[in-house]
Amino acid sequence: MDSDPPLLETYKTLFANSKTSSNNHDHRLVMVEERHLPLIDLSRLSHNEAEKERCQKEIARAARQWGFFQVVNHGISMELLEMLREEQVRVFKQPFHHKCREDKFLNFSAGSYRWGTPTSYFLRQLWWSEAFHIPVNDISSTPMEPFATKVAILAQKLAEILAEKLGHKSSFFQESCLPGTCYLRLNRYPPCPIPSDIYGLMPHTDSDFLTILHQDQVGGLQLVKDGQWIAVKPNPEALVINIGDLFQAWSNDCYKSVKHCAVTHPTKERFSAAYFLCPSYETVIESCSMPSVYRKFSFREYRQKVQEDVQLYGYKVGLSRFLV
């Protein structure tokens, strides 16, 4: 249809080359076990002090042991999530040439719309997806604003809890992560003709403090746990939380930024929406305890190094660039 990005046509050379080469080490060539993430009921934070403390400890434990967890009773209603989904469908069903001129037709900043992977050299590096990566400030007075407002509050609450469990009562996250520095990413994964060979999103870690994800029931999120890839079983009432690279560095490797990906489906399209808790580019990230595993770096420096590595190698190297 005319709303779909021309993925097959644009990357036909990669498809042709893939017939003469293969990667036997790719995790999706074997069966991946589907598992539930740790599930935490955030309503317990409003109970007595003992129950509140137990809930906070479970959040910190999941961040240490998994780097991922799910939350329910998170303060964002099912009606609000359904409104977000309907708006996503409406936006992505716009004609492709309108989405490519998002500043003119959709009132998003120029460059918000992305599709495929410009730096793909191999089929495994191709992202079979399209997305709007939108500064939160850009979505004021849109149907997505109520969701963005609620999810920003949730992100700050979780960041505060995770900091407190490391012994830090700091206003760092509130001061550093503002609406103008945080992002909402709307993802759509079209049906893929060869889903065993192509990612929706390549394996990666997130370059932020925290990510909060709402995904539909098609499934497709996978992550590494104890050295093995697992598939995350969708939960319609839950939001998925994961630790980003910046929180791993800030926590001095206490909390884990875990590699994850999105896989494709042969017949079904999939939607998700992710909120990224990001600081300003000038924010300096330094470990909250000593001796520090990582040297100090600004978010701008981190983003620049990620972009350089992707251009050079086709993938992100990440935090290992900043080890002491």
C-alpha atoms as a PDB file:
ATOM      1  CA  MET A   1       0.000   0.000   0.000  1.00  0.00           C
ATOM      2  CA  ASP A   2       1.159   3.587  -0.533  1.00  0.00           C
ATOM      3  CA  SER A   3       1.659   4.127   3.213  1.00  0.00           C
ATOM      4  CA  ASP A   4       4.405   1.484   3.478  1.00  0.00           C
ATOM      5  CA  PRO A   5       8.068   2.499   3.122  1.00  0.00           C
ATOM      6  CA  PRO A   6       9.730   0.852   0.069  1.00  0.00           C
ATOM      7  CA  LEU A   7      11.869  -1.534   2.118  1.00  0.00           C
ATOM      8  CA  LEU A   8      11.914  -4.437  -0.334  1.00  0.00           C
ATOM      9  CA  GLU A   9      12.771  -2.279  -3.336  1.00  0.00           C
ATOM     10  CA  THR A  10      15.374  -0.156  -1.527  1.00  0.00           C
ATOM     11  CA  TYR A  11      17.303  -3.096  -0.101  1.00  0.00           C
ATOM     12  CA  LYS A  12      16.948  -5.549  -2.985  1.00  0.00           C
ATOM     13  CA  THR A  13      20.748  -5.799  -3.292  1.00  0.00           C
ATOM     14  CA  LEU A  14      20.988  -6.992   0.320  1.00  0.00           C
ATOM     15  CA  PHE A  15      18.326  -9.602  -0.391  1.00  0.00           C
ATOM     16  CA  ALA A  16      20.258 -10.809  -3.430  1.00  0.00           C
ATOM     17  CA  ASN A  17      23.526 -10.996  -1.503  1.00  0.00           C
ATOM     18  CA  SER A  18      21.876 -12.870   1.359  1.00  0.00           C
ATOM     19  CA  LYS A  19      21.263 -15.853  -0.914  1.00  0.00           C
ATOM     20  CA  THR A  20      25.008 -16.457  -1.125  1.00  0.00           C
ATOM     21  CA  SER A  21      25.882 -15.931   2.542  1.00  0.00           C
ATOM     22  CA  SER A  22      24.495 -16.786   5.970  1.00  0.00           C
ATOM     23  CA  ASN A  23      25.269 -16.184   9.635  1.00  0.00           C
ATOM     24  CA  ASN A  24      25.060 -19.438  11.565  1.00  0.00           C
ATOM     25  CA  HIS A  25      25.561 -17.644  14.864  1.00  0.00           C
ATOM     26  CA  ASP A  26      22.406 -15.570  14.702  1.00  0.00           C
ATOM     27  CA  HIS A  27      20.225 -16.288  17.718  1.00  0.00           C
ATOM     28  CA  ARG A  28      17.015 -16.400  15.692  1.00  0.00           C
ATOM     29  CA  LEU A  29      18.053 -19.471  13.733  1.00  0.00           C
ATOM     30  CA  VAL A  30      17.153 -21.535  16.816  1.00  0.00           C
ATOM     31  CA  MET A  31      13.980 -21.747  18.889  1.00  0.00           C
ATOM     32  CA  VAL A  32      13.773 -18.925  21.440  1.00  0.00           C
ATOM     33  CA  GLU A  33      12.010 -19.621  24.734  1.00  0.00           C
ATOM     34  CA  GLU A  34       9.129 -17.294  25.610  1.00  0.00           C
ATOM     35  CA  ARG A  35       9.209 -16.113  29.228  1.00  0.00           C
ATOM     36  CA  HIS A  36       7.534 -13.630  31.527  1.00  0.00           C
ATOM     37  CA  LEU A  37       9.583 -10.732  32.807  1.00  0.00           C
ATOM     38  CA  PRO A  38       9.522  -9.911  36.543  1.00  0.00           C
ATOM     39  CA  LEU A  39       6.103  -8.349  37.132  1.00  0.00           C
ATOM     40  CA  ILE A  40       5.801  -5.580  39.733  1.00  0.00           C
ATOM     41  CA  ASP A  41       2.528  -4.085  40.979  1.00  0.00           C
ATOM     42  CA  LEU A  42       3.222  -0.393  41.516  1.00  0.00           C
ATOM     43  CA  SER A  43       0.048   0.101  43.566  1.00  0.00           C
ATOM     44  CA  ARG A  44       2.088  -1.371  46.438  1.00  0.00           C
ATOM     45  CA  LEU A  45       4.042   1.907  46.554  1.00  0.00           C
ATOM     46  CA  SER A  46       0.903   3.452  48.103  1.00  0.00           C
ATOM     47  CA  HIS A  47       0.577   0.798  50.828  1.00  0.00           C
ATOM     48  CA  ASN A  48       2.204   0.806  54.246  1.00  0.00           C
ATOM     49  CA  GLU A  49       5.925   1.512  54.572  1.00  0.00           C
ATOM     50  CA  ALA A  50       6.911  -2.152  54.771  1.00  0.00           C
ATOM     51  CA  GLU A  51       5.070  -3.044  51.557  1.00  0.00           C
ATOM     52  CA  LYS A  52       6.392   0.070  49.825  1.00  0.00           C
ATOM     53  CA  GLU A  53       9.952  -0.917  50.753  1.00  0.00           C
ATOM     54  CA  ARG A  54       9.440  -4.468  49.458  1.00  0.00           C
ATOM     55  CA  CYS A  55       8.138  -3.103  46.141  1.00  0.00           C
ATOM     56  CA  GLN A  56      11.100  -0.745  45.777  1.00  0.00           C
ATOM     57  CA  LYS A  57      13.540  -3.571  46.497  1.00  0.00           C
ATOM     58  CA  GLU A  58      11.880  -5.715  43.815  1.00  0.00           C
ATOM     59  CA  ILE A  59      12.311  -2.890  41.295  1.00  0.00           C
ATOM     60  CA  ALA A  60      16.014  -2.547  42.130  1.00  0.00           C
ATOM     61  CA  ARG A  61      16.521  -6.324  42.088  1.00  0.00           C
ATOM     62  CA  ALA A  62      14.951  -6.631  38.640  1.00  0.00           C
ATOM     63  CA  ALA A  63      17.144  -3.773  37.370  1.00  0.00           C
ATOM     64  CA  ARG A  64      20.248  -5.559  38.691  1.00  0.00           C
ATOM     65  CA  GLN A  65      19.409  -9.119  37.671  1.00  0.00           C
ATOM     66  CA  TRP A  66      17.422  -8.602  34.469  1.00  0.00           C
ATOM     67  CA  GLY A  67      17.788  -5.009  33.306  1.00  0.00           C
ATOM     68  CA  PHE A  68      14.148  -5.445  32.245  1.00  0.00           C
ATOM     69  CA  PHE A  69      10.878  -5.758  34.146  1.00  0.00           C
ATOM     70  CA  GLN A  70       7.167  -5.167  33.697  1.00  0.00           C
ATOM     71  CA  VAL A  71       4.887  -2.966  35.794  1.00  0.00           C
ATOM     72  CA  VAL A  72       1.130  -2.989  36.288  1.00  0.00           C
ATOM     73  CA  ASN A  73      -1.098  -0.454  38.074  1.00  0.00           C
ATOM     74  CA  HIS A  74       1.316   2.107  36.685  1.00  0.00           C
ATOM     75  CA  GLY A  75      -1.122   5.021  36.518  1.00  0.00           C
ATOM     76  CA  ILE A  76      -1.740   4.926  32.753  1.00  0.00           C
ATOM     77  CA  SER A  77      -5.235   3.689  31.948  1.00  0.00           C
ATOM     78  CA  MET A  78      -6.091   1.148  29.280  1.00  0.00           C
ATOM     79  CA  GLU A  79      -8.241   3.836  27.634  1.00  0.00           C
ATOM     80  CA  LEU A  80      -5.217   6.108  27.330  1.00  0.00           C
ATOM     81  CA  LEU A  81      -3.100   3.288  25.886  1.00  0.00           C
ATOM     82  CA  GLU A  82      -5.827   2.495  23.374  1.00  0.00           C
ATOM     83  CA  MET A  83      -5.996   6.165  22.349  1.00  0.00           C
ATOM     84  CA  LEU A  84      -2.228   6.077  21.800  1.00  0.00           C
ATOM     85  CA  ARG A  85      -2.539   2.961  19.656  1.00  0.00           C
ATOM     86  CA  GLU A  86      -5.311   4.502  17.534  1.00  0.00           C
ATOM     87  CA  GLU A  87      -3.209   7.628  16.964  1.00  0.00           C
ATOM     88  CA  GLN A  88      -0.221   5.494  15.980  1.00  0.00           C
ATOM     89  CA  VAL A  89      -2.274   3.615  13.409  1.00  0.00           C
ATOM     90  CA  ARG A  90      -3.633   6.888  12.029  1.00  0.00           C
ATOM     91  CA  VAL A  91      -0.166   8.437  11.696  1.00  0.00           C
ATOM     92  CA  PHE A  92       1.481   5.402  10.110  1.00  0.00           C
ATOM     93  CA  LYS A  93      -1.353   4.943   7.609  1.00  0.00           C
ATOM     94  CA  GLN A  94      -0.618   8.365   6.141  1.00  0.00           C
ATOM     95  CA  PRO A  95       0.829   8.226   2.610  1.00  0.00           C
ATOM     96  CA  PHE A  96       4.554   7.500   2.619  1.00  0.00           C
ATOM     97  CA  HIS A  97       5.425  10.801   0.934  1.00  0.00           C
ATOM     98  CA  HIS A  98       3.518  12.657   3.679  1.00  0.00           C
ATOM     99  CA  LYS A  99       5.451  10.855   6.411  1.00  0.00           C
ATOM    100  CA  CYS A 100       8.713  11.783   4.687  1.00  0.00           C
ATOM    101  CA  ARG A 101       7.660  15.440   4.979  1.00  0.00           C
ATOM    102  CA  GLU A 102       6.535  15.159   8.575  1.00  0.00           C
ATOM    103  CA  ASP A 103       7.216  18.823   9.339  1.00  0.00           C
ATOM    104  CA  LYS A 104       4.730  19.885   6.648  1.00  0.00           C
ATOM    105  CA  PHE A 105       1.988  17.253   6.955  1.00  0.00           C
ATOM    106  CA  LEU A 106       2.185  15.960  10.535  1.00  0.00           C
ATOM    107  CA  ASN A 107       3.604  18.894  12.519  1.00  0.00           C
ATOM    108  CA  PHE A 108       6.604  16.879  13.729  1.00  0.00           C
ATOM    109  CA  SER A 109      10.182  18.129  13.551  1.00  0.00           C
ATOM    110  CA  ALA A 110      11.963  17.457  10.268  1.00  0.00           C
ATOM    111  CA  GLY A 111      13.951  14.239  10.566  1.00  0.00           C
ATOM    112  CA  SER A 112      11.542  12.612  13.033  1.00  0.00           C
ATOM    113  CA  TYR A 113      10.503   9.947  10.528  1.00  0.00           C
ATOM    114  CA  ARG A 114      12.916   7.036  10.021  1.00  0.00           C
ATOM    115  CA  TRP A 115      12.634   3.786   8.101  1.00  0.00           C
ATOM    116  CA  GLY A 116      15.026   0.958   7.271  1.00  0.00           C
ATOM    117  CA  THR A 117      18.732   1.395   8.018  1.00  0.00           C
ATOM    118  CA  PRO A 118      20.818   3.754   5.848  1.00  0.00           C
ATOM    119  CA  THR A 119      24.077   2.097   7.016  1.00  0.00           C
ATOM    120  CA  SER A 120      23.067  -1.505   6.224  1.00  0.00           C
ATOM    121  CA  TYR A 121      25.838  -3.520   4.582  1.00  0.00           C
ATOM    122  CA  PHE A 122      24.296  -6.931   5.293  1.00  0.00           C
ATOM    123  CA  LEU A 123      20.731  -8.163   5.579  1.00  0.00           C
ATOM    124  CA  ARG A 124      21.236  -8.760   9.310  1.00  0.00           C
ATOM    125  CA  GLN A 125      21.873  -5.034   9.760  1.00  0.00           C
ATOM    126  CA  LEU A 126      18.580  -4.031   8.172  1.00  0.00           C
ATOM    127  CA  TRP A 127      15.787  -2.773  10.429  1.00  0.00           C
ATOM    128  CA  TRP A 128      12.450  -3.855   8.926  1.00  0.00           C
ATOM    129  CA  SER A 129      10.490  -1.046  10.512  1.00  0.00           C
ATOM    130  CA  GLU A 130       9.438   2.566  10.372  1.00  0.00           C
ATOM    131  CA  ALA A 131       9.330   5.003  13.265  1.00  0.00           C
ATOM    132  CA  PHE A 132       8.694   8.545  14.406  1.00  0.00           C
ATOM    133  CA  HIS A 133      11.341   9.611  16.941  1.00  0.00           C
ATOM    134  CA  ILE A 134       9.712  12.683  18.436  1.00  0.00           C
ATOM    135  CA  PRO A 135      10.940  15.157  21.068  1.00  0.00           C
ATOM    136  CA  VAL A 136       8.315  15.233  23.800  1.00  0.00           C
ATOM    137  CA  ASN A 137       7.946  18.985  23.332  1.00  0.00           C
ATOM    138  CA  ASP A 138       6.705  18.312  19.787  1.00  0.00           C
ATOM    139  CA  ILE A 139       3.613  16.411  20.888  1.00  0.00           C
ATOM    140  CA  SER A 140       1.950  19.081  23.002  1.00  0.00           C
ATOM    141  CA  SER A 141      -1.699  19.576  22.036  1.00  0.00           C
ATOM    142  CA  THR A 142      -1.804  16.224  20.210  1.00  0.00           C
ATOM    143  CA  PRO A 143      -3.714  13.044  21.161  1.00  0.00           C
ATOM    144  CA  MET A 144      -0.379  11.615  22.398  1.00  0.00           C
ATOM    145  CA  GLU A 145       0.231  14.340  24.975  1.00  0.00           C
ATOM    146  CA  PRO A 146      -1.770  12.721  27.845  1.00  0.00           C
ATOM    147  CA  PHE A 147       0.251   9.511  27.476  1.00  0.00           C
ATOM    148  CA  ALA A 148       3.548  11.406  27.322  1.00  0.00           C
ATOM    149  CA  THR A 149       2.668  13.394  30.452  1.00  0.00           C
ATOM    150  CA  LYS A 150       1.791  10.275  32.448  1.00  0.00           C
ATOM    151  CA  VAL A 151       4.725   8.191  31.256  1.00  0.00           C
ATOM    152  CA  ALA A 152       7.181  11.015  32.075  1.00  0.00           C
ATOM    153  CA  ILE A 153       5.929  11.049  35.670  1.00  0.00           C
ATOM    154  CA  LEU A 154       6.321   7.268  35.836  1.00  0.00           C
ATOM    155  CA  ALA A 155       9.869   7.419  34.474  1.00  0.00           C
ATOM    156  CA  GLN A 156      10.916   9.993  37.063  1.00  0.00           C
ATOM    157  CA  LYS A 157       9.344   7.939  39.848  1.00  0.00           C
ATOM    158  CA  LEU A 158      11.204   4.797  38.822  1.00  0.00           C
ATOM    159  CA  ALA A 159      14.502   6.679  38.389  1.00  0.00           C
ATOM    160  CA  GLU A 160      14.114   8.143  41.871  1.00  0.00           C
ATOM    161  CA  ILE A 161      13.460   4.708  43.380  1.00  0.00           C
ATOM    162  CA  LEU A 162      16.451   3.170  41.625  1.00  0.00           C
ATOM    163  CA  ALA A 163      18.689   6.015  42.816  1.00  0.00           C
ATOM    164  CA  GLU A 164      17.437   5.702  46.399  1.00  0.00           C
ATOM    165  CA  LYS A 165      18.153   1.969  46.439  1.00  0.00           C
ATOM    166  CA  LEU A 166      21.782   2.892  45.722  1.00  0.00           C
ATOM    167  CA  GLY A 167      21.745   5.302  48.631  1.00  0.00           C
ATOM    168  CA  HIS A 168      21.280   8.493  46.596  1.00  0.00           C
ATOM    169  CA  LYS A 169      18.431  10.950  47.142  1.00  0.00           C
ATOM    170  CA  SER A 170      19.223  13.245  44.274  1.00  0.00           C
ATOM    171  CA  SER A 171      17.286  15.631  42.070  1.00  0.00           C
ATOM    172  CA  PHE A 172      19.699  14.763  39.249  1.00  0.00           C
ATOM    173  CA  PHE A 173      17.104  13.110  37.008  1.00  0.00           C
ATOM    174  CA  GLN A 174      14.469  15.816  37.446  1.00  0.00           C
ATOM    175  CA  GLU A 175      17.034  18.511  36.719  1.00  0.00           C
ATOM    176  CA  SER A 176      18.702  16.743  33.782  1.00  0.00           C
ATOM    177  CA  CYS A 177      15.823  14.963  32.000  1.00  0.00           C
ATOM    178  CA  LEU A 178      13.312  17.544  30.809  1.00  0.00           C
ATOM    179  CA  PRO A 179      10.491  17.443  28.208  1.00  0.00           C
ATOM    180  CA  GLY A 180      12.856  19.069  25.713  1.00  0.00           C
ATOM    181  CA  THR A 181      15.442  16.297  26.120  1.00  0.00           C
ATOM    182  CA  CYS A 182      13.208  13.209  26.314  1.00  0.00           C
ATOM    183  CA  TYR A 183      11.701  11.381  23.338  1.00  0.00           C
ATOM    184  CA  LEU A 184       8.676   9.354  22.340  1.00  0.00           C
ATOM    185  CA  ARG A 185       9.331   6.809  19.602  1.00  0.00           C
ATOM    186  CA  LEU A 186       6.393   5.360  17.700  1.00  0.00           C
ATOM    187  CA  ASN A 187       7.318   2.075  16.004  1.00  0.00           C
ATOM    188  CA  ARG A 188       5.608   0.083  13.280  1.00  0.00           C
ATOM    189  CA  TYR A 189       6.946  -3.258  12.046  1.00  0.00           C
ATOM    190  CA  PRO A 190       5.342  -4.234   8.709  1.00  0.00           C
ATOM    191  CA  PRO A 191       4.878  -7.905   7.800  1.00  0.00           C
ATOM    192  CA  CYS A 192       8.231  -9.245   6.605  1.00  0.00           C
ATOM    193  CA  PRO A 193       8.691 -11.717   3.710  1.00  0.00           C
ATOM    194  CA  ILE A 194      11.629 -13.534   5.361  1.00  0.00           C
ATOM    195  CA  PRO A 195      11.234 -12.994   9.121  1.00  0.00           C
ATOM    196  CA  SER A 196      13.887 -15.565  10.025  1.00  0.00           C
ATOM    197  CA  ASP A 197      16.534 -13.401   8.346  1.00  0.00           C
ATOM    198  CA  ILE A 198      15.537  -9.811   9.120  1.00  0.00           C
ATOM    199  CA  TYR A 199      15.192  -7.894  12.368  1.00  0.00           C
ATOM    200  CA  GLY A 200      12.565  -5.314  13.127  1.00  0.00           C
ATOM    201  CA  LEU A 201      15.278  -3.674  15.251  1.00  0.00           C
ATOM    202  CA  MET A 202      18.800  -5.092  15.429  1.00  0.00           C
ATOM    203  CA  PRO A 203      20.177  -6.244  18.811  1.00  0.00           C
ATOM    204  CA  HIS A 204      21.162  -3.121  20.731  1.00  0.00           C
ATOM    205  CA  THR A 205      21.146  -1.410  24.097  1.00  0.00           C
ATOM    206  CA  ASP A 206      19.373   1.898  24.714  1.00  0.00           C
ATOM    207  CA  SER A 207      21.411   5.122  24.962  1.00  0.00           C
ATOM    208  CA  ASP A 208      19.324   6.671  27.748  1.00  0.00           C
ATOM    209  CA  PHE A 209      18.628   6.292  31.470  1.00  0.00           C
ATOM    210  CA  LEU A 210      15.316   4.436  31.276  1.00  0.00           C
ATOM    211  CA  THR A 211      12.976   3.237  28.545  1.00  0.00           C
ATOM    212  CA  ILE A 212       9.264   2.599  29.073  1.00  0.00           C
ATOM    213  CA  LEU A 213       7.656   0.509  26.341  1.00  0.00           C
ATOM    214  CA  HIS A 214       4.052  -0.179  25.464  1.00  0.00           C
ATOM    215  CA  GLN A 215       3.770  -3.026  22.949  1.00  0.00           C
ATOM    216  CA  ASP A 216       0.815  -4.741  21.334  1.00  0.00           C
ATOM    217  CA  GLN A 217      -0.041  -8.413  21.639  1.00  0.00           C
ATOM    218  CA  VAL A 218       1.700  -9.583  18.455  1.00  0.00           C
ATOM    219  CA  GLY A 219       4.938 -10.009  20.386  1.00  0.00           C
ATOM    220  CA  GLY A 220       8.445  -9.664  19.023  1.00  0.00           C
ATOM    221  CA  LEU A 221      10.543  -8.220  21.866  1.00  0.00           C
ATOM    222  CA  GLN A 222      13.536 -10.416  22.703  1.00  0.00           C
ATOM    223  CA  LEU A 223      16.385  -9.887  25.169  1.00  0.00           C
ATOM    224  CA  VAL A 224      19.446 -11.581  26.603  1.00  0.00           C
ATOM    225  CA  LYS A 225      19.120 -13.254  30.013  1.00  0.00           C
ATOM    226  CA  ASP A 226      22.018 -15.295  31.453  1.00  0.00           C
ATOM    227  CA  GLY A 227      23.698 -15.397  28.055  1.00  0.00           C
ATOM    228  CA  GLN A 228      20.625 -16.738  26.232  1.00  0.00           C
ATOM    229  CA  TRP A 229      18.070 -14.966  24.049  1.00  0.00           C
ATOM    230  CA  ILE A 230      14.500 -15.157  25.344  1.00  0.00           C
ATOM    231  CA  ALA A 231      11.217 -13.841  23.946  1.00  0.00           C
ATOM    232  CA  VAL A 232       9.098 -11.598  26.154  1.00  0.00           C
ATOM    233  CA  LYS A 233       5.521 -12.792  26.505  1.00  0.00           C
ATOM    234  CA  PRO A 234       3.210  -9.783  25.937  1.00  0.00           C
ATOM    235  CA  ASN A 235       1.039  -8.646  28.834  1.00  0.00           C
ATOM    236  CA  PRO A 236      -1.815  -6.314  27.779  1.00  0.00           C
ATOM    237  CA  GLU A 237      -1.960  -4.596  31.179  1.00  0.00           C
ATOM    238  CA  ALA A 238       1.771  -4.087  31.656  1.00  0.00           C
ATOM    239  CA  LEU A 239       4.414  -1.619  30.545  1.00  0.00           C
ATOM    240  CA  VAL A 240       7.945  -2.884  29.916  1.00  0.00           C
ATOM    241  CA  ILE A 241      10.763  -1.022  31.680  1.00  0.00           C
ATOM    242  CA  ASN A 242      14.415  -1.371  30.754  1.00  0.00           C
ATOM    243  CA  ILE A 243      17.645   0.152  31.990  1.00  0.00           C
ATOM    244  CA  GLY A 244      19.646   2.212  29.506  1.00  0.00           C
ATOM    245  CA  ASP A 245      23.388   2.683  29.092  1.00  0.00           C
ATOM    246  CA  LEU A 246      23.456   5.955  31.029  1.00  0.00           C
ATOM    247  CA  PHE A 247      21.884   4.382  34.119  1.00  0.00           C
ATOM    248  CA  GLN A 248      24.333   1.483  33.955  1.00  0.00           C
ATOM    249  CA  ALA A 249      27.218   3.985  33.910  1.00  0.00           C
ATOM    250  CA  TRP A 250      25.658   6.195  36.608  1.00  0.00           C
ATOM    251  CA  SER A 251      25.012   3.163  38.842  1.00  0.00           C
ATOM    252  CA  ASN A 252      28.607   1.978  38.326  1.00  0.00           C
ATOM    253  CA  ASP A 253      27.440  -1.276  36.702  1.00  0.00           C
ATOM    254  CA  CYS A 254      24.934  -2.061  39.459  1.00  0.00           C
ATOM    255  CA  TYR A 255      21.968  -1.822  37.080  1.00  0.00           C
ATOM    256  CA  LYS A 256      22.291  -3.534  33.706  1.00  0.00           C
ATOM    257  CA  SER A 257      21.601  -2.176  30.238  1.00  0.00           C
ATOM    258  CA  VAL A 258      20.718  -5.388  28.418  1.00  0.00           C
ATOM    259  CA  LYS A 259      20.942  -6.164  24.719  1.00  0.00           C
ATOM    260  CA  HIS A 260      17.514  -6.590  23.117  1.00  0.00           C
ATOM    261  CA  CYS A 261      15.891  -6.609  19.690  1.00  0.00           C
ATOM    262  CA  ALA A 262      12.574  -6.746  17.874  1.00  0.00           C
ATOM    263  CA  VAL A 263      11.874  -9.622  15.510  1.00  0.00           C
ATOM    264  CA  THR A 264       9.520  -9.552  12.548  1.00  0.00           C
ATOM    265  CA  HIS A 265       6.364 -11.494  11.678  1.00  0.00           C
ATOM    266  CA  PRO A 266       5.492 -12.924   8.239  1.00  0.00           C
ATOM    267  CA  THR A 267       1.837 -11.825   8.176  1.00  0.00           C
ATOM    268  CA  LYS A 268       1.120  -9.397  11.025  1.00  0.00           C
ATOM    269  CA  GLU A 269       2.143  -5.798  11.522  1.00  0.00           C
ATOM    270  CA  ARG A 270       3.239  -4.813  15.016  1.00  0.00           C
ATOM    271  CA  PHE A 271       3.082  -1.507  16.881  1.00  0.00           C
ATOM    272  CA  SER A 272       4.920  -0.261  19.950  1.00  0.00           C
ATOM    273  CA  ALA A 273       5.622   3.059  21.623  1.00  0.00           C
ATOM    274  CA  ALA A 274       8.721   3.801  23.708  1.00  0.00           C
ATOM    275  CA  TYR A 275       9.463   6.705  26.025  1.00  0.00           C
ATOM    276  CA  PHE A 276      13.171   7.498  26.477  1.00  0.00           C
ATOM    277  CA  LEU A 277      14.315   9.272  29.640  1.00  0.00           C
ATOM    278  CA  CYS A 278      17.248  11.275  28.260  1.00  0.00           C
ATOM    279  CA  PRO A 279      19.302  14.194  29.615  1.00  0.00           C
ATOM    280  CA  SER A 280      20.492  17.290  27.788  1.00  0.00           C
ATOM    281  CA  TYR A 281      23.552  16.844  25.608  1.00  0.00           C
ATOM    282  CA  GLU A 282      25.612  18.910  28.080  1.00  0.00           C
ATOM    283  CA  THR A 283      24.797  16.613  31.030  1.00  0.00           C
ATOM    284  CA  VAL A 284      27.872  14.879  32.428  1.00  0.00           C
ATOM    285  CA  ILE A 285      27.438  11.227  33.375  1.00  0.00           C
ATOM    286  CA  GLU A 286      29.636  10.007  36.205  1.00  0.00           C
ATOM    287  CA  SER A 287      29.357   6.971  38.460  1.00  0.00           C
ATOM    288  CA  CYS A 288      27.569   7.441  41.767  1.00  0.00           C
ATOM    289  CA  SER A 289      30.147   5.347  43.652  1.00  0.00           C
ATOM    290  CA  MET A 290      33.877   4.708  43.625  1.00  0.00           C
ATOM    291  CA  PRO A 291      36.060   3.256  42.276  1.00  0.00           C
ATOM    292  CA  SER A 292      34.365   4.130  39.022  1.00  0.00           C
ATOM    293  CA  VAL A 293      34.115   1.585  36.212  1.00  0.00           C
ATOM    294  CA  TYR A 294      33.685   4.333  33.607  1.00  0.00           C
ATOM    295  CA  ARG A 295      35.299   7.695  33.048  1.00  0.00           C
ATOM    296  CA  LYS A 296      33.138  10.806  33.062  1.00  0.00           C
ATOM    297  CA  PHE A 297      31.514  11.695  29.743  1.00  0.00           C
ATOM    298  CA  SER A 298      28.832  14.016  28.460  1.00  0.00           C
ATOM    299  CA  PHE A 299      25.727  12.722  26.765  1.00  0.00           C
ATOM    300  CA  ARG A 300      26.812  14.604  23.659  1.00  0.00           C
ATOM    301  CA  GLU A 301      30.143  12.746  23.620  1.00  0.00           C
ATOM    302  CA  TYR A 302      28.375   9.427  24.093  1.00  0.00           C
ATOM    303  CA  ARG A 303      25.933  10.044  21.241  1.00  0.00           C
ATOM    304  CA  GLN A 304      28.737  11.183  18.934  1.00  0.00           C
ATOM    305  CA  LYS A 305      30.777   8.056  19.638  1.00  0.00           C
ATOM    306  CA  VAL A 306      27.748   5.830  19.021  1.00  0.00           C
ATOM    307  CA  GLN A 307      27.090   7.519  15.685  1.00  0.00           C
ATOM    308  CA  GLU A 308      30.745   7.231  14.662  1.00  0.00           C
ATOM    309  CA  ASP A 309      30.810   3.520  15.459  1.00  0.00           C
ATOM    310  CA  VAL A 310      27.588   2.853  13.568  1.00  0.00           C
ATOM    311  CA  GLN A 311      29.017   4.618  10.536  1.00  0.00           C
ATOM    312  CA  LEU A 312      32.319   2.722  10.758  1.00  0.00           C
ATOM    313  CA  TYR A 313      31.176  -0.735  11.783  1.00  0.00           C
ATOM    314  CA  GLY A 314      27.433  -0.859  11.207  1.00  0.00           C
ATOM    315  CA  TYR A 315      26.717  -1.354  14.919  1.00  0.00           C
ATOM    316  CA  LYS A 316      26.982   0.427  18.249  1.00  0.00           C
ATOM    317  CA  VAL A 317      29.907  -0.364  20.558  1.00  0.00           C
ATOM    318  CA  GLY A 318      28.522   1.521  23.552  1.00  0.00           C
ATOM    319  CA  LEU A 319      29.771   1.752  27.119  1.00  0.00           C
ATOM    320  CA  SER A 320      32.939  -0.270  26.604  1.00  0.00           C
ATOM    321  CA  ARG A 321      34.310   2.826  24.842  1.00  0.00           C
ATOM    322  CA  PHE A 322      34.292   4.644  28.204  1.00  0.00           C
ATOM    323  CA  LEU A 323      35.843   2.105  30.563  1.00  0.00           C
ATOM    324  CA  VAL A 324      38.471   3.541  32.904  1.00  0.00           C
END
